[in-house]
Protein backbone atom coordinates (compact mmCIF):
# COMPACT_ATOMS: atom_id res chain seq x y z
CA MET A 1 0.00 0.00 0.00
CA THR A 2 1.31 3.44 -0.94
CA ILE A 3 1.77 5.84 1.97
CA TRP A 4 0.02 8.77 0.39
CA THR A 5 -1.38 11.90 2.01
CA PRO A 6 -2.84 14.45 -0.39
CA THR A 7 -2.48 18.19 -0.10
CA LEU A 8 -6.03 19.52 -0.39
CA ASP A 9 -7.40 22.74 -1.82
CA ARG A 10 -10.13 23.26 0.77
CA SER A 11 -11.73 26.12 -1.15
CA LYS A 12 -13.65 23.51 -3.20
CA PRO A 13 -15.86 20.55 -2.21
CA LEU A 14 -13.62 18.11 -0.37
CA TYR A 15 -14.38 15.11 -2.57
CA LEU A 16 -13.27 17.13 -5.60
CA ALA A 17 -10.18 18.33 -3.75
CA ILE A 18 -9.15 14.72 -3.04
CA ALA A 19 -9.86 13.62 -6.64
CA ASP A 20 -7.90 16.61 -7.96
CA ALA A 21 -4.99 15.72 -5.66
CA ILE A 22 -4.97 12.18 -7.10
CA THR A 23 -4.98 13.65 -10.60
CA LYS A 24 -2.14 16.03 -9.79
CA ASP A 25 0.02 13.36 -8.18
CA VAL A 26 -0.53 10.90 -11.04
CA GLU A 27 0.44 13.53 -13.59
CA GLY A 28 3.40 14.65 -11.47
CA GLY A 29 4.71 11.13 -10.96
CA THR A 30 4.15 10.92 -7.19
CA LEU A 31 1.63 8.14 -7.83
CA ALA A 32 2.60 5.48 -10.37
CA LYS A 33 0.64 2.82 -12.17
CA GLY A 34 -0.11 -0.06 -9.80
CA ASP A 35 0.22 1.97 -6.60
CA ARG A 36 -2.44 1.11 -4.07
CA LEU A 37 -4.15 4.03 -2.36
CA PRO A 38 -4.91 4.01 1.37
CA PRO A 39 -8.15 2.31 2.39
CA GLN A 40 -11.00 4.79 2.31
CA ARG A 41 -11.65 4.65 6.04
CA ASP A 42 -7.97 5.23 6.85
CA LEU A 43 -7.70 8.21 4.52
CA ALA A 44 -10.92 9.69 5.91
CA TRP A 45 -9.52 9.50 9.44
CA LYS A 46 -6.17 10.98 8.36
CA LEU A 47 -7.79 13.91 6.55
CA GLY A 48 -10.53 14.51 9.11
CA VAL A 49 -13.34 14.03 6.59
CA THR A 50 -16.26 11.62 6.36
CA LEU A 51 -15.98 8.17 4.85
CA GLY A 52 -18.62 9.19 2.30
CA THR A 53 -16.40 12.07 1.13
CA VAL A 54 -13.49 9.74 0.41
CA THR A 55 -15.78 7.16 -1.23
CA ARG A 56 -17.14 9.87 -3.54
CA ALA A 57 -13.60 11.12 -4.26
CA TYR A 58 -12.37 7.64 -5.24
CA LYS A 59 -15.44 7.19 -7.44
CA GLU A 60 -14.68 10.52 -9.13
CA ALA A 61 -11.09 9.40 -9.72
CA GLU A 62 -12.37 6.13 -11.22
CA GLN A 63 -14.58 8.08 -13.62
CA ARG A 64 -11.53 10.10 -14.65
CA GLY A 65 -9.77 6.86 -15.57
CA LEU A 66 -7.20 7.11 -12.78
CA LEU A 67 -8.27 4.38 -10.35
CA SER A 68 -9.28 0.76 -10.56
CA GLY A 69 -11.30 -0.47 -7.61
CA GLU A 70 -11.29 -4.17 -6.77
CA VAL A 71 -13.61 -5.52 -4.07
CA GLY A 72 -11.56 -6.89 -1.19
CA ARG A 73 -8.25 -5.67 -2.62
CA GLY A 74 -8.52 -1.90 -2.59
CA SER A 75 -8.07 0.91 -5.10
CA TYR A 76 -5.09 0.97 -7.47
CA ILE A 77 -3.68 3.61 -9.76
CA LYS A 78 -4.02 2.73 -13.41
CA GLN A 79 -2.53 4.64 -16.32
CA GLY A 80 -4.19 8.05 -16.50
CA ASN A 81 -5.17 9.51 -19.84
CA MET A 82 -3.32 12.75 -19.00
CA VAL A 83 -6.33 14.77 -20.12
CA SER A 84 -7.77 17.32 -17.73
CA ALA A 85 -10.86 16.07 -15.95
CA ILE A 86 -14.30 17.33 -16.92
CA PRO A 87 -14.86 20.35 -14.65
CA PRO A 88 -17.66 20.23 -12.09
CA MET A 89 -20.71 22.42 -12.38
CA GLN A 90 -20.01 25.94 -11.12
CA SER A 91 -22.87 25.75 -8.63
CA GLU A 92 -21.26 22.62 -7.13
CA VAL A 93 -17.88 24.34 -6.85
CA ASP A 94 -19.57 27.32 -5.18
CA GLU A 95 -21.63 24.91 -3.03
CA ILE A 96 -24.85 26.58 -4.17
CA THR A 97 -28.09 24.61 -4.26
CA ASP A 98 -29.43 25.70 -7.64
CA LEU A 99 -33.22 25.31 -7.89
CA THR A 100 -33.61 27.39 -11.06
CA HIS A 101 -33.30 24.80 -13.84
CA ALA A 102 -36.35 22.82 -14.99
CA ILE A 103 -34.35 19.69 -15.80
CA PRO A 104 -34.65 16.01 -14.93
CA PRO A 105 -32.68 14.75 -11.94
CA PRO A 106 -29.41 12.95 -12.75
CA VAL A 107 -30.57 9.34 -12.93
CA VAL A 108 -28.53 8.12 -15.93
CA THR A 109 -25.88 5.59 -14.87
CA SER A 110 -22.30 5.43 -16.07
CA GLN A 111 -23.05 1.99 -17.52
CA GLU A 112 -25.89 3.37 -19.65
CA PHE A 113 -23.74 6.21 -20.92
CA ASP A 114 -20.78 3.89 -21.58
CA ALA A 115 -22.99 1.43 -23.47
CA ALA A 116 -24.13 4.18 -25.84
CA LEU A 117 -20.57 5.42 -26.37
CA HIS A 118 -19.30 1.88 -27.02
CA SER A 119 -22.05 1.43 -29.60
CA VAL A 120 -20.79 4.53 -31.41
CA MET A 121 -17.17 3.34 -31.17
CA ARG A 122 -18.03 -0.03 -32.75
CA ASP A 123 -19.90 1.50 -35.68
CA ALA A 124 -17.88 1.53 -38.91
CA ARG A 125 -19.63 4.74 -40.01
CA LYS A 126 -18.85 6.69 -36.84
CA LEU A 127 -16.66 9.27 -38.60
CA ASP A 128 -19.72 10.38 -40.57
CA LEU A 129 -20.98 11.89 -37.32
CA LEU A 130 -18.27 14.54 -37.57
CA ASP A 131 -19.81 15.89 -40.76
CA TYR A 132 -22.75 18.30 -40.96
CA ALA A 133 -26.09 16.61 -40.48
CA PRO A 134 -28.77 17.19 -43.13
CA PRO A 135 -30.92 20.25 -42.29
CA ASP A 136 -33.77 18.10 -41.02
CA GLY A 137 -31.51 15.53 -39.31
CA PHE A 138 -30.07 12.12 -40.13
CA THR A 139 -32.67 9.61 -41.37
CA LEU A 140 -32.04 7.22 -38.47
CA HIS A 141 -32.54 10.09 -36.01
CA LYS A 142 -35.88 10.96 -37.64
CA THR A 143 -36.88 7.32 -37.25
CA MET A 144 -35.84 7.53 -33.59
CA ALA A 145 -37.92 10.69 -33.17
CA ALA A 146 -40.98 9.07 -34.75
CA ARG A 147 -40.71 6.22 -32.24
CA TRP A 148 -40.36 8.63 -29.30
CA LEU A 149 -43.27 10.80 -30.47
CA LYS A 150 -45.57 7.77 -30.38
CA LEU A 151 -45.31 7.94 -26.57
CA SER A 152 -47.21 11.23 -26.87
CA GLY A 153 -49.80 9.72 -29.19
CA ILE A 154 -48.30 11.38 -32.28
CA ASP A 155 -48.04 9.29 -35.45
CA ALA A 156 -46.05 11.60 -37.72
CA ALA A 157 -44.52 10.97 -41.12
CA GLU A 158 -40.73 11.23 -41.04
CA ARG A 159 -40.78 13.91 -43.74
CA ASP A 160 -42.64 16.15 -41.29
CA ILE A 161 -40.13 15.61 -38.45
CA PHE A 162 -37.12 17.86 -37.93
CA ILE A 163 -34.24 17.22 -35.53
CA THR A 164 -32.91 20.37 -33.87
CA ALA A 165 -30.28 21.23 -31.27
CA GLY A 166 -32.83 21.37 -28.47
CA ALA A 167 -36.44 22.54 -28.22
CA HIS A 168 -35.42 26.17 -27.69
CA LEU A 169 -33.66 26.39 -31.06
CA GLY A 170 -36.57 24.49 -32.54
CA LEU A 171 -38.96 27.16 -31.27
CA ILE A 172 -36.84 30.01 -32.63
CA THR A 173 -36.63 28.24 -35.99
CA VAL A 174 -40.40 27.82 -36.16
CA LEU A 175 -40.94 31.48 -35.25
CA GLU A 176 -38.44 32.60 -37.87
CA ALA A 177 -40.04 30.36 -40.48
CA LEU A 178 -43.60 31.55 -39.83
CA THR A 179 -43.29 35.26 -39.09
CA GLU A 180 -42.21 38.58 -40.45
CA PRO A 181 -40.16 40.98 -38.27
CA GLY A 182 -42.38 42.91 -35.88
CA GLU A 183 -45.23 40.41 -35.95
CA VAL A 184 -47.22 39.69 -32.77
CA VAL A 185 -47.53 36.21 -31.23
CA MET A 186 -50.20 35.35 -28.64
CA ALA A 187 -49.08 33.61 -25.43
CA GLU A 188 -50.21 33.16 -21.83
CA HIS A 189 -49.21 36.16 -19.73
CA ILE A 190 -47.24 34.02 -17.24
CA ASN A 191 -44.81 31.96 -19.24
CA TYR A 192 -41.41 30.40 -19.84
CA ALA A 193 -38.78 32.74 -18.36
CA LEU A 194 -36.81 33.11 -21.60
CA LEU A 195 -39.87 33.53 -23.82
CA ARG A 196 -39.63 37.30 -24.09
CA THR A 197 -35.95 37.00 -25.08
CA THR A 198 -36.81 34.17 -27.47
CA PHE A 199 -39.45 36.31 -29.15
CA LYS A 200 -36.98 39.19 -29.34
CA ASN A 201 -34.38 36.98 -31.00
CA ALA A 202 -37.01 35.93 -33.54
CA HIS A 203 -37.96 39.61 -34.06
CA VAL A 204 -41.57 39.16 -32.86
CA GLU A 205 -43.58 40.71 -30.03
CA PRO A 206 -45.68 38.88 -27.40
CA LEU A 207 -49.39 39.50 -26.92
CA PRO A 208 -50.06 38.37 -23.30
CA LEU A 209 -53.38 36.59 -22.71
CA ALA A 210 -55.33 35.87 -19.52
CA MET A 211 -55.13 32.51 -17.76
CA ASP A 212 -56.99 30.44 -15.17
CA ASP A 213 -56.13 27.19 -13.39
CA GLU A 214 -56.04 25.31 -16.72
CA GLY A 215 -53.93 27.88 -18.50
CA LEU A 216 -55.11 30.03 -21.42
CA THR A 217 -58.82 30.92 -21.23
CA PRO A 218 -60.90 30.45 -24.39
CA GLU A 219 -62.48 33.88 -23.83
CA ALA A 220 -59.12 35.67 -23.85
CA PHE A 221 -57.97 33.70 -26.87
CA GLU A 222 -61.12 34.38 -28.90
CA LYS A 223 -61.04 38.09 -28.12
CA ALA A 224 -57.41 38.36 -29.29
CA ALA A 225 -57.90 36.10 -32.31
CA SER A 226 -60.98 37.98 -33.50
CA SER A 227 -59.10 41.29 -33.40
CA GLY A 228 -56.82 40.13 -36.22
CA GLU A 229 -53.79 41.44 -34.35
CA SER A 230 -52.04 38.06 -34.42
CA ARG A 231 -52.18 34.86 -36.44
CA LEU A 232 -49.97 32.74 -34.13
CA LEU A 233 -50.51 31.19 -30.69
CA TYR A 234 -47.72 29.78 -28.51
CA LEU A 235 -48.78 27.32 -25.78
CA VAL A 236 -47.34 24.87 -23.25
CA PRO A 237 -50.51 22.82 -22.69
CA THR A 238 -49.06 20.20 -20.33
CA LEU A 239 -47.30 21.12 -17.06
CA GLN A 240 -47.19 24.74 -18.13
CA ASN A 241 -44.03 26.56 -17.16
CA PRO A 242 -44.09 27.86 -14.42
CA THR A 243 -47.65 27.27 -13.13
CA THR A 244 -47.66 23.45 -13.75
CA SER A 245 -51.20 23.73 -15.20
CA THR A 246 -52.37 21.07 -17.66
CA MET A 247 -55.24 21.78 -20.06
CA SER A 248 -58.15 19.37 -20.00
CA HIS A 249 -59.33 17.65 -23.17
CA GLN A 250 -62.36 19.95 -23.23
CA ARG A 251 -60.20 23.08 -22.95
CA ARG A 252 -57.94 21.87 -25.76
CA GLU A 253 -60.95 21.25 -27.99
CA ALA A 254 -62.16 24.78 -27.28
CA ILE A 255 -58.76 26.28 -28.16
CA VAL A 256 -58.60 24.27 -31.39
CA ALA A 257 -62.13 25.33 -32.39
CA ILE A 258 -61.21 29.01 -31.98
CA ALA A 259 -57.96 28.50 -33.88
CA ARG A 260 -59.87 26.98 -36.79
CA LYS A 261 -62.52 29.71 -36.69
CA TYR A 262 -59.94 32.49 -37.04
CA ASN A 263 -57.28 30.53 -38.98
CA ILE A 264 -54.70 30.69 -36.17
CA THR A 265 -51.50 28.62 -36.31
CA ILE A 266 -50.63 26.90 -33.03
CA ILE A 267 -47.08 26.38 -31.76
CA GLU A 268 -47.32 23.61 -29.16
CA ASP A 269 -44.33 23.39 -26.81
CA ASP A 270 -44.82 20.00 -25.15
CA ILE A 271 -41.44 19.33 -23.55
CA PHE A 272 -42.77 18.24 -20.13
CA ARG A 273 -45.61 15.96 -21.23
CA LEU A 274 -43.93 12.60 -20.65
CA LEU A 275 -42.94 13.46 -17.08
CA ASP A 276 -46.56 12.85 -16.01
CA SER A 277 -47.18 9.10 -16.17
CA ARG A 278 -50.94 9.52 -16.04
CA VAL A 279 -53.03 9.28 -19.22
CA GLN A 280 -52.82 12.71 -20.83
CA PRO A 281 -55.34 14.57 -22.99
CA PRO A 282 -54.39 14.39 -26.69
CA THR A 283 -51.80 16.82 -27.95
CA LEU A 284 -52.94 19.88 -29.86
CA TYR A 285 -51.12 18.39 -32.85
CA THR A 286 -53.32 15.30 -32.61
CA LEU A 287 -56.46 17.46 -32.45
CA ALA A 288 -55.41 19.90 -35.18
CA PRO A 289 -52.51 18.48 -37.24
CA GLU A 290 -53.27 20.83 -40.13
CA ARG A 291 -52.31 23.94 -38.13
CA THR A 292 -50.08 22.83 -35.26
CA PHE A 293 -46.29 22.84 -35.01
CA HIS A 294 -45.43 20.39 -32.22
CA ILE A 295 -42.12 20.88 -30.37
CA THR A 296 -40.59 18.55 -27.81
CA SER A 297 -37.15 17.39 -26.70
CA LEU A 298 -35.21 14.79 -24.74
CA SER A 299 -33.60 17.40 -22.47
CA LYS A 300 -36.49 17.47 -19.98
CA THR A 301 -37.08 13.72 -19.85
CA LEU A 302 -33.71 11.96 -20.24
CA ALA A 303 -30.72 14.29 -19.82
CA PRO A 304 -30.43 18.07 -20.32
CA GLY A 305 -27.06 17.84 -22.03
CA LEU A 306 -28.39 15.81 -24.96
CA ARG A 307 -29.84 18.96 -26.59
CA ILE A 308 -32.01 16.93 -28.96
CA GLY A 309 -35.23 18.61 -30.08
CA PHE A 310 -38.02 17.33 -32.33
CA VAL A 311 -40.25 19.60 -34.39
CA VAL A 312 -43.29 18.12 -36.17
CA THR A 313 -44.74 20.33 -38.88
CA PRO A 314 -48.18 20.30 -40.47
CA HIS A 315 -48.03 18.31 -43.69
CA GLY A 316 -46.68 20.35 -46.56
CA GLN A 317 -44.82 22.93 -44.45
CA ASP A 318 -41.49 21.11 -44.31
CA ARG A 319 -39.76 23.13 -47.05
CA THR A 320 -39.89 26.43 -45.14
CA MET A 321 -38.59 24.78 -41.98
CA ARG A 322 -35.73 23.11 -43.83
CA SER A 323 -34.37 26.38 -45.23
CA HIS A 324 -34.54 28.14 -41.85
CA ILE A 325 -32.79 25.31 -40.02
CA ARG A 326 -29.94 25.58 -42.53
CA THR A 327 -29.48 29.33 -41.98
CA MET A 328 -29.88 29.21 -38.18
CA ALA A 329 -27.47 26.31 -37.53
CA ALA A 330 -30.22 24.67 -35.49
CA ARG A 331 -29.41 21.14 -36.61
CA THR A 332 -28.34 18.66 -33.99
CA VAL A 333 -24.94 17.13 -33.24
CA GLY A 334 -24.55 13.62 -34.62
CA ILE A 335 -22.82 12.10 -31.57
CA THR A 336 -25.47 13.14 -29.06
CA GLY A 337 -28.11 11.97 -31.52
CA GLU A 338 -26.48 8.55 -31.58
CA ILE A 339 -26.46 8.37 -27.78
CA ALA A 340 -30.17 9.15 -27.79
CA ARG A 341 -30.86 6.66 -30.60
CA TYR A 342 -29.07 3.87 -28.75
CA TRP A 343 -31.09 4.52 -25.60
CA ILE A 344 -34.40 4.70 -27.45
CA GLU A 345 -33.83 1.66 -29.68
CA THR A 346 -32.66 -0.50 -26.77
CA ASP A 347 -35.51 0.74 -24.52
CA LEU A 348 -32.99 2.11 -22.03
CA ALA A 349 -34.74 5.45 -22.58
CA THR A 350 -37.98 4.16 -21.09
CA SER A 351 -36.06 2.89 -18.06
CA ILE A 352 -34.39 6.29 -17.66
CA LEU A 353 -37.76 8.01 -18.04
CA ASP A 354 -39.31 5.76 -15.38
CA ARG A 355 -36.51 6.52 -12.94
CA THR A 356 -36.81 10.23 -13.71
CA ARG A 357 -40.53 10.13 -12.93
CA ASN A 358 -39.95 8.22 -9.71
CA GLU A 359 -37.21 10.57 -8.50
CA LEU A 360 -39.28 13.65 -9.35
CA ALA A 361 -42.27 12.10 -7.54
CA SER A 362 -40.12 11.55 -4.47
CA ARG A 363 -38.84 15.13 -4.49
CA ARG A 364 -42.33 16.47 -5.17
CA ALA A 365 -43.63 14.51 -2.16
CA THR A 366 -40.89 16.04 -0.03
CA PHE A 367 -41.80 19.52 -1.28
CA MET A 368 -45.49 18.98 -0.52
CA GLU A 369 -44.67 17.72 2.96
CA VAL A 370 -42.48 20.73 3.77
CA PHE A 371 -44.94 23.23 2.28
CA LYS A 372 -48.18 21.51 3.28
CA ASP A 373 -49.55 24.70 4.86
CA ALA A 374 -48.40 27.05 2.07
CA LYS A 375 -50.04 28.05 -1.23
CA PHE A 376 -48.50 26.50 -4.33
CA ARG A 377 -49.18 24.76 -7.64
CA CYS A 378 -47.33 21.52 -8.33
CA GLU A 379 -49.17 19.00 -10.51
CA PRO A 380 -47.97 15.36 -10.68
CA GLY A 381 -44.94 15.01 -12.92
CA ALA A 382 -43.90 18.66 -12.70
CA PRO A 383 -40.16 19.21 -12.19
CA TYR A 384 -40.92 22.45 -10.34
CA ALA A 385 -43.47 24.15 -8.10
CA TRP A 386 -45.06 27.60 -8.34
CA LEU A 387 -44.89 28.83 -4.75
CA GLU A 388 -46.82 31.83 -3.45
CA LEU A 389 -45.02 33.95 -0.87
CA PRO A 390 -46.61 35.69 2.13
CA GLU A 391 -47.74 39.26 1.55
CA HIS A 392 -44.74 40.77 3.34
CA TRP A 393 -42.32 39.36 0.74
CA SER A 394 -41.71 40.45 -2.85
CA ALA A 395 -40.39 37.75 -5.18
CA GLY A 396 -37.21 39.64 -6.05
CA ARG A 397 -36.27 40.43 -2.47
CA PHE A 398 -37.01 36.87 -1.36
CA ALA A 399 -34.85 35.36 -4.12
CA ALA A 400 -31.99 37.73 -3.26
CA THR A 401 -32.20 36.84 0.43
CA LEU A 402 -32.15 33.14 -0.40
CA MET A 403 -29.14 33.61 -2.65
CA ALA A 404 -27.24 35.04 0.30
CA ARG A 405 -27.93 31.66 1.93
CA ARG A 406 -26.52 29.86 -1.14
CA ILE A 407 -29.90 28.74 -2.49
CA LYS A 408 -30.92 29.92 -5.93
CA VAL A 409 -34.56 30.19 -7.09
CA SER A 410 -36.34 32.08 -9.88
CA PRO A 411 -38.51 35.07 -8.85
CA GLY A 412 -41.96 35.24 -10.41
CA THR A 413 -41.21 38.51 -12.18
CA MET A 414 -39.02 36.52 -14.61
CA PHE A 415 -42.10 34.73 -15.92
CA ASN A 416 -44.39 37.72 -16.45
CA LEU A 417 -44.50 38.79 -20.09
CA ASP A 418 -45.18 42.21 -18.61
CA ARG A 419 -41.94 42.69 -16.70
CA ASN A 420 -43.40 45.64 -14.77
CA ALA A 421 -46.05 43.44 -13.16
CA PRO A 422 -45.33 42.66 -9.49
CA SER A 423 -45.11 39.08 -8.27
CA ARG A 424 -45.22 37.23 -4.97
CA HIS A 425 -44.33 33.86 -6.51
CA ILE A 426 -41.10 31.95 -6.95
CA ARG A 427 -40.46 28.86 -9.06
CA VAL A 428 -38.70 26.08 -7.19
CA CYS A 429 -37.20 23.32 -9.36
CA PHE A 430 -36.45 19.79 -8.14
CA GLY A 431 -34.07 18.32 -10.69
CA ASN A 432 -30.65 19.90 -10.28
CA PRO A 433 -29.36 18.91 -6.81
CA GLN A 434 -27.31 15.73 -6.94
CA SER A 435 -29.23 14.13 -4.11
CA GLY A 436 -32.69 14.31 -2.59
CA TRP A 437 -31.45 15.35 0.84
CA ARG A 438 -30.07 18.59 -0.59
CA SER A 439 -33.50 19.34 -2.00
CA ARG A 440 -35.15 18.83 1.36
CA GLN A 441 -32.56 20.95 3.14
CA ALA A 442 -33.19 23.77 0.64
CA PHE A 443 -36.98 23.42 0.94
CA GLU A 444 -36.79 23.72 4.72
CA THR A 445 -34.63 26.85 4.47
CA ILE A 446 -37.15 28.40 2.05
CA ARG A 447 -40.06 27.51 4.34
CA THR A 448 -38.34 29.03 7.36
CA LEU A 449 -37.50 32.21 5.47
CA MET A 450 -41.11 32.62 4.32
CA ASN A 451 -42.08 33.08 7.95
CA ASP A 452 -39.43 35.75 8.49
CA HIS A 453 -40.05 39.37 7.58
CA ASP A 454 -38.28 41.27 4.85
CA ASP A 455 -35.87 43.73 6.51
CA ASP A 456 -37.00 46.41 4.09
CA ASP A 457 -40.47 46.30 5.62
CA PHE A 458 -39.19 47.08 9.12
CA THR A 459 -39.80 50.64 10.26
CA PRO A 460 -37.74 51.67 13.32
CA VAL A 461 -39.50 53.63 16.05
CA ALA A 462 -37.64 56.45 17.78
């Protein structure tokens, strides 16, 4: 056994500091191939850290290709690849609990990722992935998309399916393809935090519409549609971001009827649909395929870094989309597409989706337990909650106060299409923390702070 005591940079998480020390000493020659590291318990005692910290550090070093662990024999140095390790997320380095990203929790295993990569490595055509993809995506990726879309009840022809580098770029491409600069697009007045910026990038303006507990109201939609001010409607009908509302079948039928009456094109952003395992109402594309552009992705259901988006166009509108994808560089990356295709074709994707649902359900249950006496919206499957604050708190001040406690949330003002509108809501996401206990710890801090009073509201008495 090598007598090895690392010098730690204690400004970073300790498990990373230990893994970085292993990396440094391998590259510097202090640790050689075949050297056995101290048993985890011994090193934990020597460094004054927990056993779990050392276990996590050794696992990190294994993932970097530096260690080989053998049950009953210990951990040995193997030849490192001398390439710098993938850096940790900045929020992890800063030890911030980031509850601002509506992403799935990290449930993908190293084995599942490795299996996909090995499949790519064995393929004789793998170098083709380094070339530009066709504007609408590789044929095999369109086939993959058609299979995935069937989970949402969509039976689309491959010619009407476009593969994009994420749903966000897909949305911008659709907007660019359908609009002229300065055009107005209808949308619910509380919406996706980046929607205003997205519209700006596409050179269109939002027309905010009223909502209720199901989302967009038919009355508000018909009034706006009948005015002729806009010919496009953008909607997130399932697990609306940030309110978590899901439109009923009846509400969807009403929206479609109005769209047909006034010849409105619908842009359906359905990225969260599959997170709810319950039977869902049909998509707007299913109800009105002649006028609906359906957008979804794998980033919210499998892994955010895949950046694979699917756009389904009404039949006959593929040519316009194809030319805009070419000019906007919205096409996907071949390698990530192959990872996704391997998972979907081997059914690993459904296993990952099931685990994502289960982990989100567990974190949602924890949230509901902690906030059982508060006002919030959090429908089953939602990766976030829409939490109402007490009257003495503004959303901005509350978020800033939380940030000082190293917890990051999104204030409700970010989601108002009218940025001048006040808000007493925050959106709290469940997916990003690496473990459920961090979520609970953050929830309890938020709940405690809600009962405190904003310092700005305190008036001293002489």
